[in-house]
Amino acid sequence: MKGFGTLLLLFIGPAVASSTDDSRDEFWPELDTYINLNTAARLRLLGAFRNNQQGESWHGDFGAFIDVALKPVFRRELRQGEDVFDKRFLSFQSGFRYIRRLGAGPPYLEHRWIVELTARYPLPGHFILSDRNRGEFRFISKMPFAPRYRNKFQLEKDFRMGDLAYTPYLSTELFYDTRYDAWVRNRYSAGVQFPVGGYMVFQPYYLRHNQSRSSPVHVNAFGLELEVYF
């Protein structure tokens, strides 16, 4: 675990130290509810918020998705629950997100249709590498149609300390925006997942967001995510 902790510090250290005038700190709380439909499909309900701490404004992000797990390949060792999606080589997700500004500030409204495919690969040392490919079809008020492609890689490993199981992870993500025909945004994050009681997962994380075609150029986000499983 010491080596993974050192890697986390190397990962987030430069981002914290490189704060500029064109940067913003945000808080991202999120609740995800998963409802099993059968052994290979589930419904995901999303409720997320983003707080611009300087401007004291909020964005709300609400969505509904269908997850489908495909060919089984491996079984993660430290998970107590029977989450089939953590044991499958491929999973597919499709759904809709409704995003709008809440409270003061210029109005913002977006309808976003999403399709994504995630592949997971077991690596030496019981590491897991996931590769998520997402297509987004974005309808933003007073703006042209804005389809976007996102590719995210995540490296994680399960650990156990007594009765406590936890999963630290690192991830990086690139965004291709068809409005500019360019890769305009990247993110990298570090966090840890804590299963609680077999039906919940608590996930604090730090995320660095960089973008070339909008302001602020940099966002430092501190997130708290709670996943609930039924």
Protein backbone atom coordinates (compact mmCIF):
# COMPACT_ATOMS: atom_id res chain seq x y z
CA MET A 1 0.00 0.00 0.00
CA LYS A 2 2.96 2.32 0.63
CA GLY A 3 3.90 2.28 -3.04
CA PHE A 4 0.34 3.10 -4.13
CA GLY A 5 0.20 5.98 -1.64
CA THR A 6 3.43 7.41 -3.04
CA LEU A 7 1.95 7.17 -6.53
CA LEU A 8 -1.13 9.10 -5.38
CA LEU A 9 1.05 11.91 -4.03
CA LEU A 10 3.03 12.10 -7.25
CA PHE A 11 -0.24 12.12 -9.19
CA ILE A 12 -2.04 14.97 -7.39
CA GLY A 13 0.90 16.98 -6.06
CA PRO A 14 1.71 18.96 -9.22
CA ALA A 15 -1.96 19.82 -9.75
CA VAL A 16 -2.38 21.23 -6.24
CA ALA A 17 0.86 23.17 -6.49
CA SER A 18 0.14 24.66 -9.93
CA SER A 19 -2.87 26.83 -9.03
CA THR A 20 -3.16 29.84 -11.36
CA ASP A 21 -5.32 32.93 -11.65
CA ASP A 22 -7.47 31.11 -14.22
CA SER A 23 -8.46 28.28 -11.91
CA ARG A 24 -11.45 27.46 -9.74
CA ASP A 25 -12.12 25.23 -6.75
CA GLU A 26 -15.36 23.24 -6.73
CA PHE A 27 -17.18 20.75 -4.53
CA TRP A 28 -18.93 17.80 -6.28
CA PRO A 29 -21.35 15.75 -4.10
CA GLU A 30 -23.08 12.83 -5.84
CA LEU A 31 -25.56 10.04 -5.09
CA ASP A 32 -25.82 6.99 -7.38
CA THR A 33 -28.56 4.43 -6.81
CA TYR A 34 -28.27 1.01 -8.50
CA ILE A 35 -31.30 -1.28 -8.79
CA ASN A 36 -30.72 -4.83 -10.05
CA LEU A 37 -33.17 -5.88 -12.76
CA ASN A 38 -31.69 -9.37 -13.27
CA THR A 39 -28.30 -11.08 -13.07
CA ALA A 40 -26.83 -9.03 -15.94
CA ALA A 41 -28.76 -5.75 -16.03
CA ARG A 42 -29.42 -2.92 -13.61
CA LEU A 43 -30.90 0.56 -13.45
CA ARG A 44 -28.71 3.47 -12.35
CA LEU A 45 -30.21 6.72 -11.04
CA LEU A 46 -27.91 9.73 -10.75
CA GLY A 47 -28.16 12.88 -8.67
CA ALA A 48 -25.07 15.09 -8.68
CA PHE A 49 -24.25 18.71 -7.91
CA ARG A 50 -21.34 21.03 -8.57
CA ASN A 51 -20.60 24.07 -6.44
CA ASN A 52 -18.50 26.99 -7.71
CA GLN A 53 -17.08 28.07 -4.36
CA GLN A 54 -15.99 31.50 -5.64
CA GLY A 55 -19.33 32.40 -7.24
CA GLU A 56 -21.52 30.43 -4.83
CA SER A 57 -23.51 28.93 -7.72
CA TRP A 58 -24.63 25.33 -8.25
CA HIS A 59 -25.23 23.02 -11.19
CA GLY A 60 -27.61 20.06 -10.87
CA ASP A 61 -27.02 16.85 -12.85
CA PHE A 62 -29.79 14.22 -12.89
CA GLY A 63 -29.93 11.04 -14.95
CA ALA A 64 -31.20 7.51 -15.52
CA PHE A 65 -29.24 4.70 -17.20
CA ILE A 66 -29.38 1.02 -18.04
CA ASP A 67 -26.22 -1.06 -17.38
CA VAL A 68 -25.73 -4.41 -19.08
CA ALA A 69 -22.84 -6.73 -18.10
CA LEU A 70 -21.36 -8.91 -20.81
CA LYS A 71 -18.85 -11.80 -20.93
CA PRO A 72 -17.49 -12.82 -17.47
CA VAL A 73 -13.71 -13.09 -17.19
CA PHE A 74 -12.49 -12.63 -13.62
CA ARG A 75 -13.70 -12.22 -10.05
CA ARG A 76 -12.32 -9.48 -7.80
CA GLU A 77 -11.02 -10.98 -4.58
CA LEU A 78 -11.98 -8.50 -1.90
CA ARG A 79 -15.54 -7.58 -2.80
CA GLN A 80 -18.08 -8.94 -0.34
CA GLY A 81 -21.17 -8.08 -2.38
CA GLU A 82 -22.28 -9.87 -5.53
CA ASP A 83 -21.81 -6.93 -7.90
CA VAL A 84 -21.64 -8.70 -11.26
CA PHE A 85 -20.38 -5.55 -12.97
CA ASP A 86 -17.07 -5.75 -11.09
CA LYS A 87 -16.52 -9.29 -12.41
CA ARG A 88 -17.24 -8.77 -16.10
CA PHE A 89 -14.85 -8.11 -18.93
CA LEU A 90 -17.29 -5.85 -20.78
CA SER A 91 -20.21 -3.70 -19.66
CA PHE A 92 -22.48 -1.41 -21.67
CA GLN A 93 -24.38 1.63 -20.42
CA SER A 94 -26.94 3.88 -22.10
CA GLY A 95 -29.05 6.68 -20.68
CA PHE A 96 -29.96 10.33 -20.34
CA ARG A 97 -28.70 13.24 -18.22
CA TYR A 98 -30.48 16.52 -17.49
CA ILE A 99 -28.10 19.32 -16.43
CA ARG A 100 -29.01 22.86 -15.41
CA ARG A 101 -27.81 25.77 -13.34
CA LEU A 102 -29.51 26.09 -9.96
CA GLY A 103 -29.99 29.51 -8.39
CA ALA A 104 -28.12 32.67 -9.39
CA GLY A 105 -26.00 33.07 -12.50
CA PRO A 106 -26.48 32.89 -16.28
CA PRO A 107 -29.04 30.20 -17.22
CA TYR A 108 -27.70 26.87 -18.45
CA LEU A 109 -29.70 23.87 -19.65
CA GLU A 110 -28.39 20.69 -21.27
CA HIS A 111 -30.00 17.42 -22.38
CA ARG A 112 -27.35 14.73 -22.85
CA TRP A 113 -27.83 11.23 -24.31
CA ILE A 114 -25.03 8.80 -23.49
CA VAL A 115 -23.76 5.44 -24.74
CA GLU A 116 -20.61 3.86 -23.34
CA LEU A 117 -18.64 0.62 -23.34
CA THR A 118 -16.20 -0.31 -20.56
CA ALA A 119 -13.59 -3.08 -20.74
CA ARG A 120 -11.73 -4.35 -17.66
CA TYR A 121 -8.38 -6.12 -17.68
CA PRO A 122 -6.69 -8.02 -14.82
CA LEU A 123 -3.00 -7.09 -14.47
CA PRO A 124 -0.10 -8.60 -12.50
CA GLY A 125 -0.16 -7.81 -8.79
CA HIS A 126 -3.99 -7.97 -8.67
CA PHE A 127 -4.33 -4.56 -10.32
CA ILE A 128 -7.34 -3.86 -12.54
CA LEU A 129 -7.21 -1.58 -15.59
CA SER A 130 -10.49 -0.32 -17.05
CA ASP A 131 -10.97 1.45 -20.37
CA ARG A 132 -14.22 3.41 -20.76
CA ASN A 133 -15.29 4.73 -24.17
CA ARG A 134 -18.23 7.15 -24.05
CA GLY A 135 -20.21 8.94 -26.75
CA GLU A 136 -22.27 11.96 -25.69
CA PHE A 137 -24.98 13.61 -27.79
CA ARG A 138 -25.41 17.03 -26.19
CA PHE A 139 -28.28 19.45 -26.74
CA ILE A 140 -27.36 22.70 -24.99
CA SER A 141 -29.74 25.67 -24.93
CA LYS A 142 -28.83 28.43 -27.40
CA MET A 143 -25.88 26.41 -28.76
CA PRO A 144 -25.39 24.09 -31.76
CA PHE A 145 -25.60 20.31 -31.45
CA ALA A 146 -22.46 19.24 -29.57
CA PRO A 147 -21.54 15.54 -29.80
CA ARG A 148 -18.46 14.56 -27.82
CA TYR A 149 -16.22 11.50 -27.30
CA ARG A 150 -14.55 10.66 -24.00
CA ASN A 151 -11.93 8.02 -23.25
CA LYS A 152 -11.10 7.20 -19.63
CA PHE A 153 -8.47 4.85 -18.21
CA GLN A 154 -8.57 3.82 -14.55
CA LEU A 155 -6.07 1.77 -12.53
CA GLU A 156 -7.20 0.31 -9.21
CA LYS A 157 -6.37 -2.36 -6.67
CA ASP A 158 -8.29 -3.91 -3.77
CA PHE A 159 -6.80 -3.90 -0.28
CA ARG A 160 -7.93 -5.24 3.07
CA MET A 161 -6.99 -4.08 6.56
CA GLY A 162 -8.71 -6.30 9.09
CA ASP A 163 -12.42 -6.10 8.32
CA LEU A 164 -11.99 -2.98 6.17
CA ALA A 165 -11.88 -3.46 2.38
CA TYR A 166 -10.99 -0.46 0.23
CA THR A 167 -9.95 0.30 -3.35
CA PRO A 168 -7.66 3.25 -4.19
CA TYR A 169 -7.57 4.28 -7.84
CA LEU A 170 -6.01 6.65 -10.36
CA SER A 171 -7.72 7.74 -13.56
CA THR A 172 -7.13 9.93 -16.60
CA GLU A 173 -9.66 11.03 -19.23
CA LEU A 174 -9.52 12.84 -22.60
CA PHE A 175 -12.41 14.70 -24.33
CA TYR A 176 -12.80 15.14 -28.09
CA ASP A 177 -15.32 17.86 -29.03
CA THR A 178 -16.72 17.78 -32.57
CA ARG A 179 -17.54 21.50 -32.42
CA TYR A 180 -13.80 22.21 -32.58
CA ASP A 181 -12.58 18.94 -34.16
CA ALA A 182 -10.00 18.79 -31.39
CA TRP A 183 -9.10 17.25 -28.04
CA VAL A 184 -10.12 20.16 -25.84
CA ARG A 185 -10.23 18.81 -22.29
CA ASN A 186 -8.50 16.37 -19.96
CA ARG A 187 -9.07 15.19 -16.43
CA TYR A 188 -7.11 13.17 -13.95
CA SER A 189 -8.24 12.05 -10.54
CA ALA A 190 -7.27 10.07 -7.46
CA GLY A 191 -9.65 8.58 -4.92
CA VAL A 192 -10.56 5.60 -2.80
CA GLN A 193 -13.72 3.46 -2.56
CA PHE A 194 -14.92 2.17 0.82
CA PRO A 195 -17.66 -0.52 0.81
CA VAL A 196 -20.02 -0.01 3.78
CA GLY A 197 -22.37 -2.70 5.02
CA GLY A 198 -22.47 -4.62 1.73
CA TYR A 199 -24.98 -2.22 0.11
CA MET A 200 -23.13 1.09 -0.06
CA VAL A 201 -19.82 2.40 -1.36
CA PHE A 202 -18.42 5.72 -0.11
CA GLN A 203 -15.93 7.42 -2.44
CA PRO A 204 -13.97 10.63 -1.67
CA TYR A 205 -11.73 11.87 -4.50
CA TYR A 206 -9.74 14.75 -5.95
CA LEU A 207 -10.07 15.66 -9.65
CA ARG A 208 -8.06 18.07 -11.80
CA HIS A 209 -9.88 19.39 -14.87
CA ASN A 210 -8.05 21.24 -17.69
CA GLN A 211 -9.68 22.75 -20.79
CA SER A 212 -8.42 24.79 -23.73
CA ARG A 213 -11.61 26.32 -25.19
CA SER A 214 -13.43 27.71 -22.15
CA SER A 215 -12.82 29.43 -18.84
CA PRO A 216 -11.63 28.74 -16.23
CA VAL A 217 -8.78 26.78 -17.77
CA HIS A 218 -8.29 24.70 -14.62
CA VAL A 219 -10.76 23.29 -12.09
CA ASN A 220 -9.77 21.60 -8.83
CA ALA A 221 -12.72 19.48 -7.72
CA PHE A 222 -13.10 17.72 -4.40
CA GLY A 223 -15.83 15.11 -4.64
CA LEU A 224 -17.85 12.92 -2.29
CA GLU A 225 -19.80 10.12 -3.97
CA LEU A 226 -22.17 7.65 -2.34
CA GLU A 227 -23.29 4.54 -4.24
CA VAL A 228 -26.30 2.61 -2.94
CA TYR A 229 -27.16 -0.89 -4.23
CA PHE A 230 -30.53 -2.66 -4.16
